Protein backbone atom coordinates (compact mmCIF):
# COMPACT_ATOMS: atom_id res chain seq x y z
CA UNK A 1 0.00 0.00 0.00
CA UNK A 2 2.85 2.33 0.83
CA UNK A 3 4.51 1.53 -2.50
CA UNK A 4 1.30 2.43 -4.35
CA UNK A 5 0.98 5.71 -2.49
CA UNK A 6 4.60 6.60 -3.17
CA UNK A 7 3.96 6.18 -6.89
CA UNK A 8 1.00 8.58 -6.90
CA UNK A 9 3.02 11.72 -7.72
CA UNK A 10 4.77 10.02 -10.63
CA UNK A 11 1.48 8.69 -12.01
CA UNK A 12 -0.28 12.01 -11.58
CA UNK A 13 2.55 13.87 -13.31
CA UNK A 14 2.02 11.87 -16.51
CA UNK A 15 -1.77 11.42 -16.29
CA UNK A 16 -2.43 13.94 -19.07
CA UNK A 17 0.15 12.23 -21.29
CA UNK A 18 -1.44 8.85 -20.53
CA UNK A 19 -4.85 10.18 -21.57
CA UNK A 20 -3.58 11.87 -24.74
CA UNK A 21 -1.44 9.01 -26.01
CA UNK A 22 -3.80 6.24 -24.95
CA UNK A 23 -0.93 4.34 -23.40
CA UNK A 24 0.85 3.99 -20.07
CA UNK A 25 4.58 4.76 -20.31
CA UNK A 26 6.94 1.78 -20.18
CA UNK A 27 8.84 3.42 -17.33
CA UNK A 28 5.70 3.53 -15.21
CA UNK A 29 4.87 -0.10 -16.01
CA UNK A 30 8.38 -1.03 -14.83
CA UNK A 31 7.91 0.91 -11.58
CA UNK A 32 4.62 -0.82 -10.87
CA UNK A 33 6.17 -4.21 -11.63
CA UNK A 34 9.31 -3.67 -9.55
CA UNK A 35 7.20 -2.76 -6.52
CA UNK A 36 5.28 -6.03 -6.73
CA UNK A 37 1.93 -4.45 -7.58
CA UNK A 38 1.29 -6.89 -10.43
CA UNK A 39 1.69 -9.96 -8.20
CA UNK A 40 -0.72 -9.09 -5.38
CA UNK A 41 -2.90 -12.16 -6.01
CA UNK A 42 -0.19 -14.61 -7.01
CA UNK A 43 0.16 -17.39 -4.39
CA UNK A 44 2.95 -17.10 -1.85
CA UNK A 45 4.24 -20.55 -2.84
CA UNK A 46 4.72 -19.21 -6.37
CA UNK A 47 6.61 -16.25 -4.89
CA UNK A 48 3.70 -13.83 -5.06
CA UNK A 49 2.32 -11.49 -2.41
CA UNK A 50 -0.96 -13.36 -1.75
CA UNK A 51 -2.22 -10.12 -0.24
CA UNK A 52 -5.26 -9.68 2.00
CA UNK A 53 -8.26 -8.49 -0.09
CA UNK A 54 -8.32 -5.16 1.75
CA UNK A 55 -4.66 -4.61 0.86
CA UNK A 56 -5.55 -5.16 -2.79
CA UNK A 57 -8.50 -2.79 -2.33
CA UNK A 58 -6.35 0.02 -0.93
CA UNK A 59 -3.55 -0.47 -3.49
CA UNK A 60 -5.97 -0.08 -6.41
CA UNK A 61 -7.67 2.83 -4.62
CA UNK A 62 -4.35 4.67 -4.31
CA UNK A 63 -3.46 4.10 -7.97
CA UNK A 64 -6.93 5.19 -9.16
CA UNK A 65 -6.69 8.34 -7.05
CA UNK A 66 -3.83 9.32 -9.38
CA UNK A 67 -5.09 7.87 -12.68
CA UNK A 68 -7.98 5.51 -13.38
CA UNK A 69 -6.46 3.83 -16.46
CA UNK A 70 -3.21 2.98 -14.70
CA UNK A 71 -5.14 1.51 -11.79
CA UNK A 72 -7.38 -0.48 -14.13
CA UNK A 73 -4.56 -2.42 -15.82
CA UNK A 74 -3.07 -3.35 -12.43
CA UNK A 75 -6.55 -4.25 -11.17
CA UNK A 76 -7.20 -6.61 -14.09
CA UNK A 77 -3.83 -8.27 -13.55
CA UNK A 78 -4.64 -8.93 -9.89
CA UNK A 79 -8.01 -10.44 -10.83
CA UNK A 80 -6.66 -12.70 -13.58
CA UNK A 81 -3.79 -13.82 -11.33
CA UNK A 82 -6.37 -15.51 -9.09
CA UNK A 83 -7.28 -17.73 -12.05
CA UNK A 84 -3.66 -18.60 -12.84
CA UNK A 85 -3.33 -20.00 -9.32
CA UNK A 86 -5.32 -23.04 -10.44
CA UNK A 87 -2.04 -24.30 -11.90
CA UNK A 88 0.26 -26.32 -9.62
CA UNK A 89 2.56 -23.96 -7.73
CA UNK A 90 5.72 -25.40 -9.30
CA UNK A 91 4.32 -25.00 -12.83
CA UNK A 92 3.10 -21.45 -12.24
CA UNK A 93 6.35 -20.45 -10.58
CA UNK A 94 8.42 -21.85 -13.43
CA UNK A 95 6.29 -20.11 -16.06
CA UNK A 96 6.43 -16.67 -14.44
CA UNK A 97 10.02 -16.76 -13.22
CA UNK A 98 9.00 -16.98 -9.60
CA UNK A 99 12.49 -17.50 -8.22
CA UNK A 100 14.10 -14.57 -9.99
CA UNK A 101 15.67 -11.91 -7.71
CA UNK A 102 13.02 -9.61 -6.28
CA UNK A 103 10.18 -11.98 -7.11
CA UNK A 104 8.33 -12.62 -10.38
CA UNK A 105 8.07 -9.64 -12.73
CA UNK A 106 5.12 -11.14 -14.57
CA UNK A 107 2.07 -9.21 -15.70
CA UNK A 108 -0.78 -11.67 -16.22
CA UNK A 109 -3.87 -10.46 -18.10
CA UNK A 110 -6.65 -12.26 -19.90
CA UNK A 111 -10.33 -12.91 -20.33
CA UNK A 112 -12.81 -15.43 -18.97
CA UNK A 113 -14.92 -15.14 -22.12
CA UNK A 114 -14.88 -18.35 -24.19
CA UNK A 115 -13.42 -16.89 -27.38
CA UNK A 116 -10.97 -19.58 -28.55
CA UNK A 117 -11.42 -22.99 -30.12
CA UNK A 118 -9.21 -26.01 -29.48
CA UNK A 119 -7.79 -28.72 -31.72
CA UNK A 120 -6.11 -31.84 -30.30
CA UNK A 121 -2.34 -32.18 -30.16
CA UNK A 122 -0.21 -35.05 -28.92
CA UNK A 123 0.64 -33.36 -25.62
CA UNK A 124 -1.84 -30.52 -25.43
CA UNK A 125 -4.00 -28.24 -27.54
CA UNK A 126 -3.81 -25.98 -30.54
CA UNK A 127 -5.76 -22.82 -29.86
CA UNK A 128 -7.20 -20.36 -32.35
CA UNK A 129 -9.48 -17.41 -31.73
CA UNK A 130 -9.64 -13.84 -30.62
CA UNK A 131 -10.09 -12.56 -27.08
CA UNK A 132 -11.56 -9.08 -26.65
CA UNK A 133 -11.25 -6.44 -23.90
CA UNK A 134 -7.86 -7.76 -22.76
CA UNK A 135 -6.84 -4.76 -20.65
CA UNK A 136 -3.11 -4.15 -20.46
CA UNK A 137 -2.29 -6.77 -23.09
CA UNK A 138 0.50 -4.77 -24.75
CA UNK A 139 2.50 -4.70 -21.52
CA UNK A 140 1.58 -8.25 -20.47
CA UNK A 141 4.01 -11.11 -20.08
CA UNK A 142 1.29 -13.79 -19.99
CA UNK A 143 -2.34 -14.11 -21.07
CA UNK A 144 -5.11 -16.38 -19.77
CA UNK A 145 -7.31 -17.67 -22.60
CA UNK A 146 -10.56 -19.60 -22.20
CA UNK A 147 -11.67 -22.49 -24.41
CA UNK A 148 -13.94 -25.56 -24.48
CA UNK A 149 -12.19 -28.93 -24.53
CA UNK A 150 -13.25 -32.11 -26.30
CA UNK A 151 -15.56 -33.10 -23.45
CA UNK A 152 -17.38 -29.77 -23.64
CA UNK A 153 -15.71 -28.57 -20.45
CA UNK A 154 -14.53 -25.00 -20.05
CA UNK A 155 -10.76 -24.80 -19.61
CA UNK A 156 -8.25 -22.03 -19.14
CA UNK A 157 -4.74 -21.82 -20.58
CA UNK A 158 -1.79 -19.67 -19.55
CA UNK A 159 0.31 -18.63 -22.52
CA UNK A 160 3.16 -16.17 -23.07
CA UNK A 161 1.88 -12.92 -24.53
CA UNK A 162 4.11 -13.39 -27.58
CA UNK A 163 2.11 -16.52 -28.53
CA UNK A 164 -0.62 -14.25 -29.88
CA UNK A 165 -1.02 -10.99 -31.76
CA UNK A 166 -2.36 -7.76 -30.29
CA UNK A 167 -5.09 -6.24 -32.47
CA UNK A 168 -5.63 -2.58 -31.57
CA UNK A 169 -9.38 -2.19 -31.17
CA UNK A 170 -9.83 -0.22 -27.94
CA UNK A 171 -11.48 3.16 -28.61
CA UNK A 172 -13.79 3.97 -25.74
CA UNK A 173 -15.34 6.94 -23.98
CA UNK A 174 -13.45 6.35 -20.73
CA UNK A 175 -10.49 4.35 -19.44
CA UNK A 176 -8.98 5.30 -22.78
CA UNK A 177 -5.45 4.27 -21.85
CA UNK A 178 -6.10 0.77 -20.53
CA UNK A 179 -5.16 -0.76 -23.87
CA UNK A 180 -8.11 -3.13 -23.67
CA UNK A 181 -7.40 -4.47 -27.15
CA UNK A 182 -8.07 -7.84 -28.77
CA UNK A 183 -5.52 -10.65 -28.62
CA UNK A 184 -5.57 -13.23 -31.41
CA UNK A 185 -4.29 -16.80 -31.41
CA UNK A 186 -3.64 -18.70 -34.64
CA UNK A 187 -2.97 -22.41 -34.07
CA UNK A 188 -0.93 -21.64 -30.94
CA UNK A 189 0.30 -24.68 -29.04
CA UNK A 190 -0.25 -24.98 -25.30
CA UNK A 191 0.83 -28.07 -23.41
CA UNK A 192 -1.79 -29.79 -21.30
CA UNK A 193 0.10 -29.01 -18.09
CA UNK A 194 -0.36 -25.28 -18.72
CA UNK A 195 -4.15 -25.61 -18.81
CA UNK A 196 -6.73 -26.27 -16.12
CA UNK A 197 -10.43 -27.03 -15.84
CA UNK A 198 -12.70 -24.20 -14.74
CA UNK A 199 -14.26 -26.48 -12.13
CA UNK A 200 -11.14 -28.50 -11.44
CA UNK A 201 -8.96 -28.66 -8.31
CA UNK A 202 -7.15 -25.56 -7.08
CA UNK A 203 -3.48 -25.95 -6.23
CA UNK A 204 -3.03 -22.64 -4.44
CA UNK A 205 -3.32 -22.63 -0.67
CA UNK A 206 -5.11 -19.76 1.01
CA UNK A 207 -8.54 -18.31 1.70
CA UNK A 208 -8.55 -16.41 -1.61
CA UNK A 209 -9.10 -19.76 -3.34
CA UNK A 210 -11.45 -21.31 -0.76
CA UNK A 211 -14.35 -18.94 -1.41
CA UNK A 212 -17.14 -20.73 -3.35
CA UNK A 213 -17.40 -17.90 -5.89
CA UNK A 214 -13.95 -16.44 -6.46
CA UNK A 215 -15.18 -13.46 -8.48
CA UNK A 216 -16.11 -12.07 -5.06
CA UNK A 217 -12.44 -11.85 -4.05
CA UNK A 218 -11.41 -10.52 -7.46
CA UNK A 219 -13.98 -7.77 -7.57
CA UNK A 220 -13.09 -6.01 -4.35
CA UNK A 221 -10.46 -4.42 -6.60
CA UNK A 222 -13.26 -2.87 -8.70
CA UNK A 223 -14.60 -1.26 -5.55
CA UNK A 224 -11.17 0.17 -4.81
CA UNK A 225 -10.89 1.45 -8.36
CA UNK A 226 -14.22 3.26 -8.19
CA UNK A 227 -13.57 4.79 -4.79
CA UNK A 228 -10.07 5.95 -5.72
CA UNK A 229 -11.33 7.50 -8.95
CA UNK A 230 -14.18 9.29 -7.20
CA UNK A 231 -12.03 10.51 -4.33
CA UNK A 232 -9.53 11.80 -6.88
CA UNK A 233 -12.35 13.76 -8.52
CA UNK A 234 -13.34 15.24 -5.16
CA UNK A 235 -9.79 16.24 -4.26
CA UNK A 236 -9.02 17.73 -7.67
CA UNK A 237 -12.33 19.58 -7.73
CA UNK A 238 -11.76 21.05 -4.28
CA UNK A 239 -8.75 22.85 -5.73
CA UNK A 240 -10.33 23.81 -9.04
CA UNK A 241 -13.52 25.05 -7.41
CA UNK A 242 -11.57 27.58 -5.35
CA UNK A 243 -10.47 29.41 -8.51
CA UNK A 244 -12.49 31.98 -10.46
CA UNK A 245 -10.00 32.24 -13.32
CA UNK A 246 -12.41 30.63 -15.77
CA UNK A 247 -14.24 33.91 -16.40
CA UNK A 248 -17.05 33.39 -13.90
CA UNK A 249 -17.87 36.16 -11.48
CA UNK A 250 -17.41 33.84 -8.51
CA UNK A 251 -15.64 30.59 -7.83
CA UNK A 252 -17.69 27.42 -7.56
CA UNK A 253 -16.88 27.20 -3.86
CA UNK A 254 -18.93 30.38 -3.28
CA UNK A 255 -22.13 28.76 -4.53
CA UNK A 256 -24.20 27.04 -1.89
CA UNK A 257 -25.75 24.57 -4.34
CA UNK A 258 -22.28 23.39 -5.36
CA UNK A 259 -21.11 23.05 -1.75
CA UNK A 260 -24.17 20.96 -0.90
CA UNK A 261 -23.57 18.67 -3.88
CA UNK A 262 -19.89 18.35 -2.96
CA UNK A 263 -20.74 17.43 0.63
CA UNK A 264 -23.21 14.77 -0.44
CA UNK A 265 -20.76 13.32 -2.94
CA UNK A 266 -18.05 13.14 -0.27
CA UNK A 267 -20.47 11.37 2.06
CA UNK A 268 -21.38 8.84 -0.65
CA UNK A 269 -17.76 8.00 -1.41
CA UNK A 270 -16.68 7.82 2.23
CA UNK A 271 -19.69 5.66 3.11
CA UNK A 272 -18.93 3.26 0.25
CA UNK A 273 -15.33 2.93 1.46
CA UNK A 274 -16.46 2.30 5.04
CA UNK A 275 -18.97 -0.36 3.95
CA UNK A 276 -16.29 -2.27 2.03
CA UNK A 277 -13.88 -2.12 4.95
CA UNK A 278 -16.50 -3.16 7.49
CA UNK A 279 -17.95 -6.01 5.42
CA UNK A 280 -14.58 -7.55 4.55
CA UNK A 281 -13.14 -7.09 8.03
CA UNK A 282 -16.06 -9.06 9.45
CA UNK A 283 -16.17 -11.75 6.75
CA UNK A 284 -12.54 -12.58 6.07
CA UNK A 285 -11.74 -14.38 9.35
CA UNK A 286 -14.34 -17.03 8.46
CA UNK A 287 -12.57 -17.57 5.13
CA UNK A 288 -9.20 -17.82 6.87
CA UNK A 289 -10.62 -20.50 9.18
CA UNK A 290 -11.75 -22.47 6.15
CA UNK A 291 -15.41 -21.95 7.08
CA UNK A 292 -16.61 -19.18 4.73
CA UNK A 293 -19.74 -17.53 6.13
CA UNK A 294 -22.18 -17.10 3.23
CA UNK A 295 -24.13 -14.33 4.97
CA UNK A 296 -21.04 -12.26 5.69
CA UNK A 297 -19.55 -12.88 2.26
CA UNK A 298 -22.87 -11.89 0.71
CA UNK A 299 -22.49 -8.51 2.39
CA UNK A 300 -19.02 -8.26 0.84
CA UNK A 301 -20.51 -8.74 -2.62
CA UNK A 302 -23.12 -6.07 -1.94
CA UNK A 303 -20.40 -3.72 -0.65
CA UNK A 304 -18.30 -4.31 -3.77
CA UNK A 305 -21.03 -3.54 -6.27
CA UNK A 306 -22.51 -0.73 -4.16
CA UNK A 307 -19.14 1.03 -4.15
CA UNK A 308 -19.08 1.24 -7.94
CA UNK A 309 -22.66 2.52 -8.19
CA UNK A 310 -22.25 5.00 -5.33
CA UNK A 311 -19.09 6.45 -6.85
CA UNK A 312 -20.65 6.78 -10.29
CA UNK A 313 -23.57 8.62 -8.68
CA UNK A 314 -21.26 10.84 -6.62
CA UNK A 315 -19.20 11.99 -9.59
CA UNK A 316 -22.37 12.43 -11.66
CA UNK A 317 -23.62 14.72 -8.88
CA UNK A 318 -20.38 16.72 -8.99
CA UNK A 319 -20.53 16.94 -12.78
CA UNK A 320 -24.03 18.39 -12.71
CA UNK A 321 -23.20 20.83 -9.94
CA UNK A 322 -20.06 22.03 -11.73
CA UNK A 323 -22.02 23.54 -14.59
CA UNK A 324 -20.25 24.30 -17.88
CA UNK A 325 -16.85 24.31 -16.17
CA UNK A 326 -17.25 20.59 -15.39
CA UNK A 327 -16.89 19.82 -19.10
CA UNK A 328 -13.51 21.53 -19.39
CA UNK A 329 -10.74 19.10 -20.32
CA UNK A 330 -8.34 21.22 -18.27
CA UNK A 331 -10.16 19.86 -15.21
CA UNK A 332 -9.97 16.16 -14.41
CA UNK A 333 -13.66 15.94 -13.50
CA UNK A 334 -14.89 15.13 -17.01
CA UNK A 335 -12.18 12.47 -17.36
CA UNK A 336 -13.09 10.91 -14.02
CA UNK A 337 -16.75 10.98 -15.03
CA UNK A 338 -16.00 9.18 -18.32
CA UNK A 339 -13.73 6.67 -16.62
CA UNK A 340 -16.37 5.70 -14.07
CA UNK A 341 -19.12 5.45 -16.67
CA UNK A 342 -16.94 2.95 -18.55
CA UNK A 343 -15.90 1.07 -15.40
CA UNK A 344 -19.57 0.54 -14.54
CA UNK A 345 -19.91 -1.69 -17.63
CA UNK A 346 -17.68 -4.36 -16.02
CA UNK A 347 -19.32 -7.51 -14.67
CA UNK A 348 -18.43 -6.43 -11.12
CA UNK A 349 -20.96 -3.59 -11.37
CA UNK A 350 -23.88 -5.46 -12.93
CA UNK A 351 -27.15 -5.52 -11.01
CA UNK A 352 -27.16 -9.31 -10.52
CA UNK A 353 -24.41 -8.84 -7.92
CA UNK A 354 -26.93 -7.24 -5.56
CA UNK A 355 -29.19 -10.27 -5.91
CA UNK A 356 -26.28 -12.68 -5.45
CA UNK A 357 -25.27 -10.87 -2.28
CA UNK A 358 -28.68 -10.91 -0.66
CA UNK A 359 -29.75 -14.47 -1.53
CA UNK A 360 -28.14 -16.03 1.60
CA UNK A 361 -30.34 -13.79 3.77
CA UNK A 362 -33.41 -15.59 2.42
CA UNK A 363 -31.90 -19.06 2.35
CA UNK A 364 -31.81 -19.17 -1.45
CA UNK A 365 -29.17 -21.17 -3.35
CA UNK A 366 -26.04 -19.31 -4.38
CA UNK A 367 -25.94 -17.46 -7.65
CA UNK A 368 -22.66 -17.78 -9.50
CA UNK A 369 -20.90 -15.06 -11.42
CA UNK A 370 -21.85 -14.75 -15.07
């Protein structure tokens, strides 16, 4: 968490460049990698951090406070790393260079969408197809691809990024610099030992992999991303709103309607952060004991998805209250607004998460991630 916070000034200093070029500088990617921020959810036995979910939450929050796109690519890597831990520790460690000095410098991205087709090979599979929305793929070292095997079972494969071709397709309203391009495979070989069944055994040891629905653990990072982005909007706007250099007679801070909107937005963001912290603090000990409490974990899912919606609403409130000035590209508010609108399209923010979180209260069977 401290490492993420120390990087904030460097990220913020190049945030405009990141937005304009649509890419995160290589030097910044190296800094994030060297500080271990890409291996937060890699198992300890594969030389990863295996961080507590709230540590992941606060790391992504700090990065998003500086720049939402930078935080997003790290966030996706942490989420996909949870999937890679299905591989045996020795295999995963060997693939990502786990024993190298300073720990693995891997950056694992991917997609859980079934976008590839498989053909049999003597010792594995030949994969062809095209994955979309693969955030951070240009800077990745490895990619997780999803396919259906010959028994109609969903399987995942971990491949080096160079095994495929990046197709530049990402042109979106927000999160413009996440590089969420397509990645295409053309008869790429993957040995059987580098694949795993979606419902197969998990080799990693730790509560992160003992939760019945592991998207829950992954998506606390989305909550951190939303809260960091929204808090960044609040902090930047507090400075901008104190200035009247835009030609207005008075600064925004002198308008009561704006101050009321700002106060309510701050309350929404702070409340969302507190709910995430409280829910996960209460629930995680049951996971660590190996006895996950479905009621408490359901509250975690509600807290995750609520954080995204609350932060979208908070920044929308600020945008409306800011008047014409809110649309100025010289302010970060319009960028934060666009970034959050785009982030809300992720599966972590879909409405079904609310239902999945509340079902244990009524004794209903669990609802799995889509």
